[in-house]
N, C-alpha and C. Protein backbone atom coordinates (compact mmCIF):
# COMPACT_ATOMS: atom_id res chain seq x y z
N MET A 1 11.21 0.70 0.93
CA MET A 1 10.09 0.68 1.85
C MET A 1 10.46 1.36 3.16
N LYS A 2 9.58 2.22 3.63
CA LYS A 2 9.84 2.93 4.88
C LYS A 2 9.57 2.01 6.06
N ARG A 3 10.49 1.99 7.02
CA ARG A 3 10.33 1.22 8.24
C ARG A 3 10.06 2.18 9.39
N LYS A 4 9.11 1.81 10.25
CA LYS A 4 8.67 2.70 11.32
C LYS A 4 8.96 2.08 12.68
N PHE A 5 9.43 2.92 13.61
CA PHE A 5 9.76 2.48 14.96
C PHE A 5 9.19 3.47 15.97
N THR A 6 8.89 2.96 17.16
CA THR A 6 8.40 3.83 18.23
C THR A 6 9.13 3.53 19.53
N TYR A 7 9.17 4.53 20.39
CA TYR A 7 9.77 4.37 21.71
C TYR A 7 8.83 4.99 22.73
N LYS A 8 8.42 4.20 23.72
CA LYS A 8 7.52 4.69 24.76
C LYS A 8 8.01 4.26 26.13
N ASP A 9 8.03 5.21 27.06
CA ASP A 9 8.24 4.89 28.47
C ASP A 9 7.48 5.92 29.28
N SER A 10 7.74 6.01 30.57
CA SER A 10 6.98 6.92 31.43
C SER A 10 7.25 8.39 31.11
N LYS A 11 8.34 8.68 30.39
CA LYS A 11 8.70 10.08 30.10
C LYS A 11 8.68 10.42 28.62
N SER A 12 8.71 9.44 27.75
CA SER A 12 8.85 9.69 26.31
C SER A 12 7.83 8.94 25.49
N ASP A 13 7.48 9.53 24.35
CA ASP A 13 6.62 8.88 23.35
C ASP A 13 7.10 9.40 22.00
N LYS A 14 8.03 8.67 21.37
CA LYS A 14 8.70 9.16 20.17
C LYS A 14 8.53 8.18 19.01
N PHE A 15 8.70 8.71 17.81
CA PHE A 15 8.71 7.86 16.63
C PHE A 15 10.00 8.11 15.84
N TRP A 16 10.37 7.14 15.05
CA TRP A 16 11.56 7.23 14.19
C TRP A 16 11.31 6.37 12.97
N GLU A 17 11.50 6.92 11.77
CA GLU A 17 11.26 6.20 10.52
C GLU A 17 12.49 6.31 9.63
N ILE A 18 12.68 5.30 8.80
CA ILE A 18 13.84 5.30 7.91
C ILE A 18 13.47 4.64 6.58
N GLU A 19 14.03 5.20 5.49
CA GLU A 19 13.80 4.64 4.16
C GLU A 19 15.09 4.65 3.37
N LEU A 20 15.45 3.49 2.83
CA LEU A 20 16.66 3.35 2.02
C LEU A 20 16.31 3.58 0.56
N ASP A 21 17.12 4.40 -0.11
CA ASP A 21 16.88 4.71 -1.52
C ASP A 21 18.22 4.76 -2.25
N GLY A 22 18.64 3.63 -2.80
CA GLY A 22 19.90 3.59 -3.54
C GLY A 22 21.09 3.89 -2.65
N SER A 23 21.78 4.98 -2.95
CA SER A 23 22.99 5.35 -2.21
C SER A 23 22.72 6.29 -1.04
N SER A 24 21.47 6.40 -0.63
CA SER A 24 21.14 7.29 0.49
C SER A 24 19.99 6.71 1.31
N TYR A 25 19.85 7.23 2.51
CA TYR A 25 18.66 6.93 3.30
C TYR A 25 18.18 8.19 3.98
N THR A 26 16.89 8.25 4.24
CA THR A 26 16.27 9.40 4.91
C THR A 26 15.60 8.94 6.19
N THR A 27 15.74 9.74 7.23
CA THR A 27 15.08 9.44 8.50
C THR A 27 14.11 10.56 8.85
N TRP A 28 13.01 10.19 9.48
CA TRP A 28 12.03 11.12 10.01
C TRP A 28 11.88 10.81 11.49
N TYR A 29 11.77 11.81 12.33
CA TYR A 29 11.74 11.55 13.77
C TYR A 29 11.06 12.70 14.50
N GLY A 30 10.68 12.43 15.74
CA GLY A 30 10.07 13.45 16.58
C GLY A 30 9.20 12.84 17.64
N ARG A 31 8.49 13.68 18.37
CA ARG A 31 7.53 13.21 19.36
C ARG A 31 6.25 12.78 18.65
N THR A 32 5.62 11.74 19.15
CA THR A 32 4.37 11.26 18.56
C THR A 32 3.33 12.38 18.57
N GLY A 33 2.72 12.63 17.41
CA GLY A 33 1.73 13.69 17.28
C GLY A 33 2.28 15.01 16.79
N SER A 34 3.62 15.13 16.73
CA SER A 34 4.24 16.37 16.27
C SER A 34 4.62 16.26 14.80
N SER A 35 4.96 17.38 14.18
CA SER A 35 5.43 17.37 12.80
C SER A 35 6.82 16.76 12.76
N PRO A 36 7.07 15.81 11.85
CA PRO A 36 8.38 15.14 11.82
C PRO A 36 9.49 16.03 11.28
N ARG A 37 10.66 15.83 11.83
CA ARG A 37 11.88 16.41 11.26
C ARG A 37 12.56 15.33 10.43
N SER A 38 13.37 15.73 9.47
CA SER A 38 13.98 14.72 8.59
C SER A 38 15.44 15.04 8.30
N ASP A 39 16.18 13.99 8.02
CA ASP A 39 17.58 14.09 7.61
C ASP A 39 17.82 13.08 6.49
N THR A 40 18.65 13.48 5.51
CA THR A 40 19.04 12.56 4.44
C THR A 40 20.55 12.40 4.45
N ASN A 41 21.01 11.16 4.40
CA ASN A 41 22.44 10.85 4.38
C ASN A 41 22.76 10.14 3.07
N THR A 42 23.81 10.65 2.38
CA THR A 42 24.20 10.09 1.08
C THR A 42 25.58 9.47 1.17
N PHE A 43 25.75 8.31 0.49
CA PHE A 43 27.00 7.57 0.54
C PHE A 43 27.56 7.34 -0.87
N THR A 44 28.75 6.81 -0.93
CA THR A 44 29.42 6.64 -2.23
C THR A 44 28.87 5.45 -3.03
N SER A 45 28.16 4.54 -2.36
CA SER A 45 27.62 3.37 -3.06
C SER A 45 26.38 2.86 -2.34
N PRO A 46 25.51 2.13 -3.05
CA PRO A 46 24.34 1.54 -2.41
C PRO A 46 24.72 0.56 -1.30
N GLU A 47 25.85 -0.16 -1.49
CA GLU A 47 26.29 -1.12 -0.48
C GLU A 47 26.65 -0.42 0.83
N GLU A 48 27.35 0.71 0.69
CA GLU A 48 27.74 1.47 1.88
C GLU A 48 26.50 2.04 2.58
N ALA A 49 25.55 2.52 1.78
CA ALA A 49 24.32 3.07 2.35
C ALA A 49 23.53 1.99 3.09
N LYS A 50 23.44 0.80 2.50
CA LYS A 50 22.69 -0.29 3.13
C LYS A 50 23.35 -0.74 4.43
N LYS A 51 24.68 -0.79 4.43
CA LYS A 51 25.41 -1.19 5.64
C LYS A 51 25.14 -0.21 6.78
N GLU A 52 25.16 1.09 6.49
CA GLU A 52 24.91 2.09 7.52
C GLU A 52 23.44 2.09 7.94
N TYR A 53 22.54 1.87 6.97
CA TYR A 53 21.11 1.76 7.23
C TYR A 53 20.83 0.63 8.23
N GLU A 54 21.45 -0.52 8.02
CA GLU A 54 21.25 -1.65 8.92
C GLU A 54 21.87 -1.40 10.29
N ARG A 55 23.02 -0.71 10.30
CA ARG A 55 23.69 -0.42 11.58
C ARG A 55 22.85 0.52 12.44
N ILE A 56 22.28 1.55 11.81
CA ILE A 56 21.53 2.54 12.60
C ILE A 56 20.22 1.94 13.12
N ILE A 57 19.63 1.00 12.36
CA ILE A 57 18.44 0.31 12.85
C ILE A 57 18.79 -0.54 14.08
N ARG A 58 19.92 -1.24 14.02
CA ARG A 58 20.35 -2.03 15.18
C ARG A 58 20.54 -1.14 16.40
N GLU A 59 21.11 0.06 16.18
CA GLU A 59 21.32 0.99 17.29
C GLU A 59 20.00 1.41 17.92
N LYS A 60 18.99 1.69 17.08
CA LYS A 60 17.68 2.09 17.61
C LYS A 60 17.04 0.95 18.42
N LEU A 61 17.16 -0.28 17.91
CA LEU A 61 16.60 -1.42 18.63
C LEU A 61 17.30 -1.63 19.96
N LYS A 62 18.61 -1.43 20.00
CA LYS A 62 19.35 -1.54 21.25
C LYS A 62 18.87 -0.53 22.28
N LYS A 63 18.44 0.65 21.79
CA LYS A 63 17.98 1.71 22.70
C LYS A 63 16.55 1.48 23.18
N GLY A 64 15.89 0.43 22.67
CA GLY A 64 14.55 0.13 23.13
C GLY A 64 13.43 0.48 22.18
N TYR A 65 13.75 0.95 20.98
CA TYR A 65 12.71 1.20 19.98
C TYR A 65 12.10 -0.12 19.52
N ALA A 66 10.80 -0.12 19.25
CA ALA A 66 10.10 -1.29 18.74
C ALA A 66 9.59 -0.98 17.34
N GLU A 67 9.74 -1.95 16.44
CA GLU A 67 9.31 -1.72 15.07
C GLU A 67 7.81 -1.90 14.93
N ASP A 68 7.18 -0.96 14.21
CA ASP A 68 5.76 -1.06 13.89
C ASP A 68 5.64 -1.90 12.64
N THR A 69 5.09 -3.09 12.78
CA THR A 69 5.01 -4.02 11.65
C THR A 69 3.70 -3.93 10.91
N GLY A 70 2.89 -2.91 11.24
CA GLY A 70 1.64 -2.73 10.53
C GLY A 70 0.43 -3.24 11.27
N ALA A 71 0.62 -3.76 12.51
CA ALA A 71 -0.52 -4.22 13.30
C ALA A 71 -1.36 -3.03 13.72
N PRO A 72 -2.66 -3.20 13.94
CA PRO A 72 -3.51 -2.11 14.39
C PRO A 72 -2.99 -1.52 15.69
N ALA A 73 -3.21 -0.24 15.88
CA ALA A 73 -2.70 0.43 17.07
C ALA A 73 -3.21 -0.22 18.35
N SER A 74 -4.45 -0.73 18.31
CA SER A 74 -5.00 -1.35 19.51
C SER A 74 -4.26 -2.61 19.90
N ALA A 75 -3.57 -3.21 18.94
CA ALA A 75 -2.81 -4.42 19.25
C ALA A 75 -1.45 -4.10 19.81
N GLU A 76 -1.01 -2.87 19.66
CA GLU A 76 0.32 -2.49 20.14
C GLU A 76 0.32 -2.36 21.65
N GLU A 77 -0.76 -1.77 22.17
CA GLU A 77 -0.79 -1.56 23.62
C GLU A 77 -2.23 -1.48 24.06
N LYS A 78 -2.79 -2.60 24.52
CA LYS A 78 -4.20 -2.66 24.83
C LYS A 78 -4.50 -2.40 26.29
N VAL A 79 -3.57 -2.70 27.18
CA VAL A 79 -3.89 -2.67 28.60
C VAL A 79 -3.81 -1.26 29.15
N THR A 80 -4.87 -0.80 29.81
CA THR A 80 -4.87 0.52 30.43
C THR A 80 -5.23 0.41 31.90
N SER A 81 -5.09 -0.79 32.47
CA SER A 81 -5.45 -1.03 33.86
C SER A 81 -4.21 -1.12 34.72
N ALA A 82 -4.28 -1.90 35.80
CA ALA A 82 -3.17 -1.94 36.76
C ALA A 82 -1.90 -2.48 36.13
N SER A 83 -2.01 -3.46 35.25
CA SER A 83 -0.84 -4.02 34.61
C SER A 83 -0.93 -3.79 33.12
N ALA A 84 -0.05 -2.97 32.58
CA ALA A 84 -0.06 -2.69 31.15
C ALA A 84 0.99 -3.54 30.47
N ALA A 85 0.62 -4.18 29.38
CA ALA A 85 1.54 -5.04 28.65
C ALA A 85 1.97 -4.35 27.37
N VAL A 86 3.26 -4.24 27.16
CA VAL A 86 3.79 -3.56 25.99
C VAL A 86 4.78 -4.49 25.30
N VAL A 87 4.63 -4.69 24.01
CA VAL A 87 5.59 -5.51 23.28
C VAL A 87 6.89 -4.74 23.13
N SER A 88 7.99 -5.37 23.51
CA SER A 88 9.31 -4.75 23.45
C SER A 88 10.28 -5.67 22.75
N PRO A 89 11.26 -5.12 22.02
CA PRO A 89 12.25 -5.98 21.39
C PRO A 89 13.13 -6.65 22.43
N ALA A 90 13.32 -7.96 22.31
CA ALA A 90 14.11 -8.69 23.30
C ALA A 90 15.54 -8.20 23.34
N PHE A 91 16.02 -7.63 22.23
CA PHE A 91 17.40 -7.18 22.20
C PHE A 91 17.51 -5.69 22.53
N GLY A 92 16.45 -5.09 23.11
CA GLY A 92 16.50 -3.69 23.45
C GLY A 92 17.68 -3.37 24.38
N SER A 93 17.95 -4.26 25.35
CA SER A 93 19.07 -4.03 26.27
C SER A 93 20.11 -5.13 26.16
N PHE A 94 20.05 -5.87 25.06
CA PHE A 94 20.95 -7.00 24.89
C PHE A 94 22.28 -6.52 24.31
N LYS A 95 23.38 -6.85 24.98
CA LYS A 95 24.70 -6.43 24.53
C LYS A 95 25.55 -7.64 24.21
N ILE A 96 26.23 -7.56 23.07
CA ILE A 96 27.10 -8.65 22.64
C ILE A 96 28.50 -8.44 23.21
N ARG A 97 29.03 -9.45 23.88
CA ARG A 97 30.40 -9.36 24.36
C ARG A 97 31.35 -9.35 23.18
N LYS A 98 32.47 -8.66 23.33
CA LYS A 98 33.36 -8.43 22.19
C LYS A 98 33.86 -9.72 21.56
N GLU A 99 34.03 -10.78 22.36
CA GLU A 99 34.53 -12.04 21.80
C GLU A 99 33.51 -12.74 20.92
N PHE A 100 32.23 -12.28 20.97
CA PHE A 100 31.18 -12.89 20.15
C PHE A 100 30.70 -11.97 19.04
N ARG A 101 31.34 -10.85 18.83
CA ARG A 101 30.84 -9.88 17.86
C ARG A 101 30.88 -10.39 16.42
N ASP A 102 31.76 -11.33 16.13
CA ASP A 102 31.79 -11.91 14.78
C ASP A 102 30.51 -12.69 14.49
N TYR A 103 29.78 -13.09 15.56
CA TYR A 103 28.57 -13.89 15.40
C TYR A 103 27.32 -13.09 15.79
N GLU A 104 27.45 -11.76 15.84
CA GLU A 104 26.36 -10.92 16.33
C GLU A 104 25.06 -11.11 15.54
N ASP A 105 25.13 -11.12 14.23
CA ASP A 105 23.92 -11.25 13.43
C ASP A 105 23.22 -12.58 13.69
N GLU A 106 24.00 -13.66 13.79
CA GLU A 106 23.42 -14.97 14.05
C GLU A 106 22.76 -15.03 15.42
N ILE A 107 23.42 -14.44 16.41
CA ILE A 107 22.87 -14.44 17.77
C ILE A 107 21.57 -13.64 17.81
N ARG A 108 21.58 -12.47 17.23
CA ARG A 108 20.39 -11.61 17.26
C ARG A 108 19.22 -12.23 16.50
N SER A 109 19.52 -13.04 15.48
CA SER A 109 18.44 -13.65 14.71
C SER A 109 17.66 -14.69 15.53
N THR A 110 18.23 -15.14 16.66
CA THR A 110 17.55 -16.13 17.50
C THR A 110 16.72 -15.50 18.62
N LEU A 111 16.83 -14.19 18.80
CA LEU A 111 16.13 -13.54 19.90
C LEU A 111 14.64 -13.43 19.61
N LYS A 112 13.85 -13.42 20.67
CA LYS A 112 12.40 -13.38 20.56
C LYS A 112 11.86 -12.13 21.26
N GLN A 113 10.66 -11.70 20.84
CA GLN A 113 10.01 -10.60 21.54
C GLN A 113 9.48 -11.08 22.88
N PHE A 114 9.31 -10.12 23.79
CA PHE A 114 8.73 -10.43 25.08
C PHE A 114 7.73 -9.34 25.43
N ILE A 115 6.97 -9.58 26.48
CA ILE A 115 6.01 -8.57 26.95
C ILE A 115 6.50 -8.03 28.28
N ARG A 116 6.63 -6.72 28.34
CA ARG A 116 7.05 -6.06 29.57
C ARG A 116 5.79 -5.61 30.31
N ILE A 117 5.70 -5.95 31.59
CA ILE A 117 4.55 -5.56 32.40
C ILE A 117 4.86 -4.27 33.13
N GLU A 118 3.97 -3.27 32.97
CA GLU A 118 4.14 -1.99 33.65
C GLU A 118 2.91 -1.71 34.51
N LEU A 119 3.13 -1.22 35.72
CA LEU A 119 2.00 -0.87 36.60
C LEU A 119 1.49 0.51 36.22
N ARG A 120 0.15 0.62 36.05
CA ARG A 120 -0.45 1.88 35.63
C ARG A 120 -1.74 2.13 36.40
N GLY A 121 -1.66 2.58 37.61
CA GLY A 121 -2.84 2.93 38.39
C GLY A 121 -3.68 1.74 38.79
N ASN A 122 -4.96 1.99 38.98
CA ASN A 122 -5.88 0.95 39.45
C ASN A 122 -6.71 0.40 38.30
N PRO A 123 -6.95 -0.92 38.28
CA PRO A 123 -7.78 -1.51 37.23
C PRO A 123 -9.22 -1.01 37.34
N LYS A 124 -9.88 -0.84 36.19
CA LYS A 124 -11.25 -0.32 36.18
C LYS A 124 -12.28 -1.41 36.38
N ASN A 125 -11.96 -2.63 35.94
CA ASN A 125 -12.92 -3.74 36.00
C ASN A 125 -12.30 -4.94 36.69
N PRO A 126 -13.12 -5.82 37.29
CA PRO A 126 -12.57 -7.00 37.99
C PRO A 126 -11.77 -7.93 37.09
N TRP A 127 -12.08 -7.93 35.77
CA TRP A 127 -11.42 -8.85 34.84
C TRP A 127 -10.16 -8.25 34.21
N ASN A 128 -9.80 -7.01 34.56
CA ASN A 128 -8.58 -6.41 34.04
C ASN A 128 -7.34 -7.10 34.62
N SER A 129 -6.26 -7.08 33.87
CA SER A 129 -4.99 -7.59 34.39
C SER A 129 -4.59 -6.80 35.62
N ARG A 130 -3.98 -7.49 36.59
CA ARG A 130 -3.64 -6.80 37.84
C ARG A 130 -2.56 -7.57 38.59
N LEU A 131 -1.89 -6.87 39.47
CA LEU A 131 -0.93 -7.45 40.39
C LEU A 131 -1.47 -7.26 41.79
N GLY A 132 -1.82 -8.37 42.46
CA GLY A 132 -2.41 -8.26 43.78
C GLY A 132 -3.87 -7.83 43.73
N GLY A 133 -4.44 -7.54 44.88
CA GLY A 133 -5.83 -7.12 44.94
C GLY A 133 -6.76 -8.32 44.99
N VAL A 134 -7.92 -8.20 44.35
CA VAL A 134 -8.95 -9.23 44.37
C VAL A 134 -9.04 -9.86 42.98
N PRO A 135 -9.00 -11.20 42.90
CA PRO A 135 -9.05 -11.85 41.59
C PRO A 135 -10.46 -11.82 41.00
N TYR A 136 -10.52 -11.96 39.67
CA TYR A 136 -11.80 -12.11 38.99
C TYR A 136 -12.28 -13.55 39.17
N MET A 137 -13.46 -13.71 39.72
CA MET A 137 -13.99 -15.04 40.01
C MET A 137 -15.30 -15.24 39.25
N PRO A 138 -15.27 -15.92 38.10
CA PRO A 138 -16.51 -16.18 37.37
C PRO A 138 -17.49 -17.00 38.21
N HIS A 139 -18.77 -16.94 37.86
CA HIS A 139 -19.79 -17.69 38.58
C HIS A 139 -19.46 -19.18 38.55
N GLY A 140 -19.49 -19.80 39.72
CA GLY A 140 -19.22 -21.23 39.82
C GLY A 140 -17.75 -21.58 39.98
N PHE A 141 -16.87 -20.56 40.01
CA PHE A 141 -15.44 -20.81 40.13
C PHE A 141 -15.09 -21.01 41.59
N SER A 142 -14.35 -22.07 41.90
CA SER A 142 -13.94 -22.35 43.29
C SER A 142 -12.57 -21.73 43.56
N PHE A 143 -12.45 -21.03 44.67
CA PHE A 143 -11.18 -20.41 45.01
C PHE A 143 -10.15 -21.51 45.29
N PRO A 144 -8.94 -21.40 44.74
CA PRO A 144 -7.92 -22.44 44.93
C PRO A 144 -7.56 -22.62 46.40
N LEU A 145 -7.48 -23.88 46.81
CA LEU A 145 -7.18 -24.23 48.20
C LEU A 145 -5.97 -25.15 48.25
N ASN A 146 -5.32 -25.15 49.40
CA ASN A 146 -4.29 -26.12 49.71
C ASN A 146 -4.60 -26.69 51.09
N LYS A 147 -5.03 -27.96 51.11
CA LYS A 147 -5.41 -28.60 52.37
C LYS A 147 -6.44 -27.75 53.12
N MET A 148 -7.45 -27.32 52.39
CA MET A 148 -8.59 -26.56 52.92
C MET A 148 -8.26 -25.12 53.25
N HIS A 149 -7.03 -24.67 53.01
CA HIS A 149 -6.67 -23.29 53.27
C HIS A 149 -6.58 -22.52 51.95
N PRO A 150 -7.21 -21.34 51.87
CA PRO A 150 -7.16 -20.57 50.62
C PRO A 150 -5.72 -20.16 50.29
N LEU A 151 -5.39 -20.25 49.02
CA LEU A 151 -4.10 -19.75 48.56
C LEU A 151 -4.15 -18.23 48.43
N LEU A 152 -3.00 -17.61 48.37
CA LEU A 152 -2.90 -16.15 48.26
C LEU A 152 -2.87 -15.75 46.79
N PHE A 153 -3.77 -14.84 46.39
CA PHE A 153 -3.81 -14.37 45.01
C PHE A 153 -2.60 -13.47 44.74
N LEU A 154 -1.90 -13.77 43.65
CA LEU A 154 -0.70 -13.01 43.31
C LEU A 154 -0.93 -12.05 42.14
N ALA A 155 -1.47 -12.57 41.02
CA ALA A 155 -1.64 -11.73 39.83
C ALA A 155 -2.59 -12.41 38.85
N GLN A 156 -3.12 -11.61 37.91
CA GLN A 156 -3.89 -12.18 36.81
C GLN A 156 -3.58 -11.42 35.53
N ILE A 157 -3.58 -12.16 34.42
CA ILE A 157 -3.34 -11.57 33.10
C ILE A 157 -4.52 -11.95 32.21
N ASN A 158 -5.19 -10.94 31.69
CA ASN A 158 -6.28 -11.14 30.75
C ASN A 158 -5.68 -11.06 29.34
N PHE A 159 -5.65 -12.17 28.61
CA PHE A 159 -4.99 -12.20 27.31
C PHE A 159 -5.72 -11.36 26.26
N CYS A 160 -6.97 -10.97 26.52
CA CYS A 160 -7.65 -10.05 25.60
C CYS A 160 -7.00 -8.67 25.63
N GLU A 161 -6.27 -8.38 26.70
CA GLU A 161 -5.62 -7.08 26.86
C GLU A 161 -4.16 -7.10 26.44
N VAL A 162 -3.65 -8.26 26.11
CA VAL A 162 -2.21 -8.42 25.84
C VAL A 162 -1.95 -8.37 24.33
N PRO A 163 -0.92 -7.67 23.90
CA PRO A 163 -0.57 -7.65 22.47
C PRO A 163 -0.24 -9.05 21.96
N PRO A 164 -0.37 -9.29 20.66
CA PRO A 164 -0.08 -10.62 20.11
C PRO A 164 1.35 -11.05 20.40
N LEU A 165 1.50 -12.30 20.80
CA LEU A 165 2.81 -12.85 21.08
C LEU A 165 2.81 -14.32 20.68
N GLU A 166 3.82 -14.72 19.93
CA GLU A 166 3.88 -16.08 19.39
C GLU A 166 3.75 -17.13 20.49
N ALA A 167 2.94 -18.14 20.23
CA ALA A 167 2.74 -19.30 21.11
C ALA A 167 1.88 -18.99 22.34
N PHE A 168 1.30 -17.79 22.42
CA PHE A 168 0.42 -17.44 23.53
C PHE A 168 -1.00 -17.23 23.00
N PRO A 169 -2.02 -17.48 23.82
CA PRO A 169 -3.41 -17.30 23.37
C PRO A 169 -3.77 -15.83 23.21
N ASP A 170 -4.87 -15.55 22.50
CA ASP A 170 -5.33 -14.18 22.34
C ASP A 170 -6.56 -13.88 23.20
N LYS A 171 -6.98 -14.86 24.01
CA LYS A 171 -8.08 -14.64 24.96
C LYS A 171 -7.94 -15.64 26.10
N GLY A 172 -8.67 -15.37 27.18
CA GLY A 172 -8.59 -16.22 28.36
C GLY A 172 -7.90 -15.51 29.51
N MET A 173 -7.99 -16.11 30.69
CA MET A 173 -7.44 -15.51 31.90
C MET A 173 -6.39 -16.43 32.52
N LEU A 174 -5.25 -15.88 32.85
CA LEU A 174 -4.20 -16.61 33.55
C LEU A 174 -4.05 -16.00 34.94
N GLN A 175 -4.24 -16.81 35.98
CA GLN A 175 -4.11 -16.32 37.35
C GLN A 175 -3.02 -17.09 38.08
N PHE A 176 -2.39 -16.41 39.04
CA PHE A 176 -1.31 -17.00 39.83
C PHE A 176 -1.69 -16.95 41.30
N TYR A 177 -1.53 -18.10 41.97
CA TYR A 177 -1.81 -18.20 43.40
C TYR A 177 -0.63 -18.89 44.09
N ILE A 178 -0.32 -18.46 45.30
CA ILE A 178 0.77 -19.06 46.06
C ILE A 178 0.30 -19.33 47.49
N GLY A 179 1.06 -20.14 48.21
CA GLY A 179 0.71 -20.44 49.60
C GLY A 179 0.84 -19.22 50.49
N ASP A 180 -0.09 -19.08 51.44
CA ASP A 180 -0.08 -17.94 52.36
C ASP A 180 0.63 -18.35 53.66
N ASP A 181 1.94 -18.61 53.53
CA ASP A 181 2.72 -18.99 54.71
C ASP A 181 4.10 -18.34 54.61
N ASP A 182 5.00 -18.69 55.52
CA ASP A 182 6.31 -18.04 55.56
C ASP A 182 7.10 -18.21 54.28
N LEU A 183 6.95 -19.35 53.60
CA LEU A 183 7.69 -19.62 52.36
C LEU A 183 6.79 -19.50 51.13
N TYR A 184 5.61 -18.92 51.30
CA TYR A 184 4.66 -18.73 50.19
C TYR A 184 4.39 -20.03 49.43
N GLY A 185 4.27 -21.11 50.17
CA GLY A 185 3.91 -22.39 49.57
C GLY A 185 5.07 -23.25 49.13
N LEU A 186 6.29 -22.76 49.25
CA LEU A 186 7.45 -23.54 48.81
C LEU A 186 7.69 -24.70 49.78
N ASN A 187 7.84 -25.89 49.24
CA ASN A 187 8.15 -27.08 50.02
C ASN A 187 9.52 -27.57 49.58
N LEU A 188 10.53 -27.38 50.40
CA LEU A 188 11.90 -27.74 50.01
C LEU A 188 12.09 -29.25 49.93
N GLU A 189 11.23 -30.00 50.59
CA GLU A 189 11.33 -31.46 50.57
C GLU A 189 10.65 -32.07 49.35
N ASN A 190 9.60 -31.39 48.88
CA ASN A 190 8.83 -31.92 47.75
C ASN A 190 8.49 -30.77 46.80
N ARG A 191 9.28 -30.65 45.71
CA ARG A 191 9.08 -29.53 44.79
C ARG A 191 7.79 -29.67 43.98
N SER A 192 7.23 -30.85 43.89
CA SER A 192 6.01 -31.07 43.10
C SER A 192 4.78 -31.01 44.00
N ASN A 193 4.76 -30.00 44.89
CA ASN A 193 3.64 -29.91 45.82
C ASN A 193 2.46 -29.16 45.18
N SER A 194 1.39 -29.01 45.94
CA SER A 194 0.17 -28.38 45.42
C SER A 194 -0.03 -27.00 46.03
N ASN A 195 1.04 -26.34 46.45
CA ASN A 195 0.92 -25.05 47.11
C ASN A 195 0.97 -23.87 46.14
N PHE A 196 0.94 -24.16 44.84
CA PHE A 196 0.95 -23.11 43.82
C PHE A 196 -0.18 -23.40 42.82
N ARG A 197 -0.68 -22.37 42.18
CA ARG A 197 -1.67 -22.54 41.10
C ARG A 197 -1.32 -21.58 39.98
């Protein structure tokens, strides 16, 4: 079965695919939208080919490639407003210290995906995800207060714009508010204060 991976950042948009076939594997790669180039590597045994196949996949994941698991393209990257959410492999920049390399596979099997937030221009609609600015306030919604003083809007995440992530909702709005003072609402005497939302 062919496995597909992509890499996207502010300068690159690349794909990389690999397929294991007995004692060899073939890779296809290039810029997204371009004609793929390919290479085939042959080994003395299927076991050796599989070992190298798994090693090269780990290398790609370490470099920040994310595997395409067959989800619709719209689920891969939905946000096109101020805050863009992109699913990234948690082990993209994760390095194993040499004293733990004997346990590398076990350690990596416990890692989880995360969502990386990237700023991308200005949001088009009030309900788009954003960092700072003016929050989306549905009709009848009361602005969060602390002792009659408005809190400072920090950010909002619209889960309709966020790629699927385990244990998180697929719709709804999450907003963050903090105190508008020198310590942004932090109370060193009482950590369970009401200066955050």
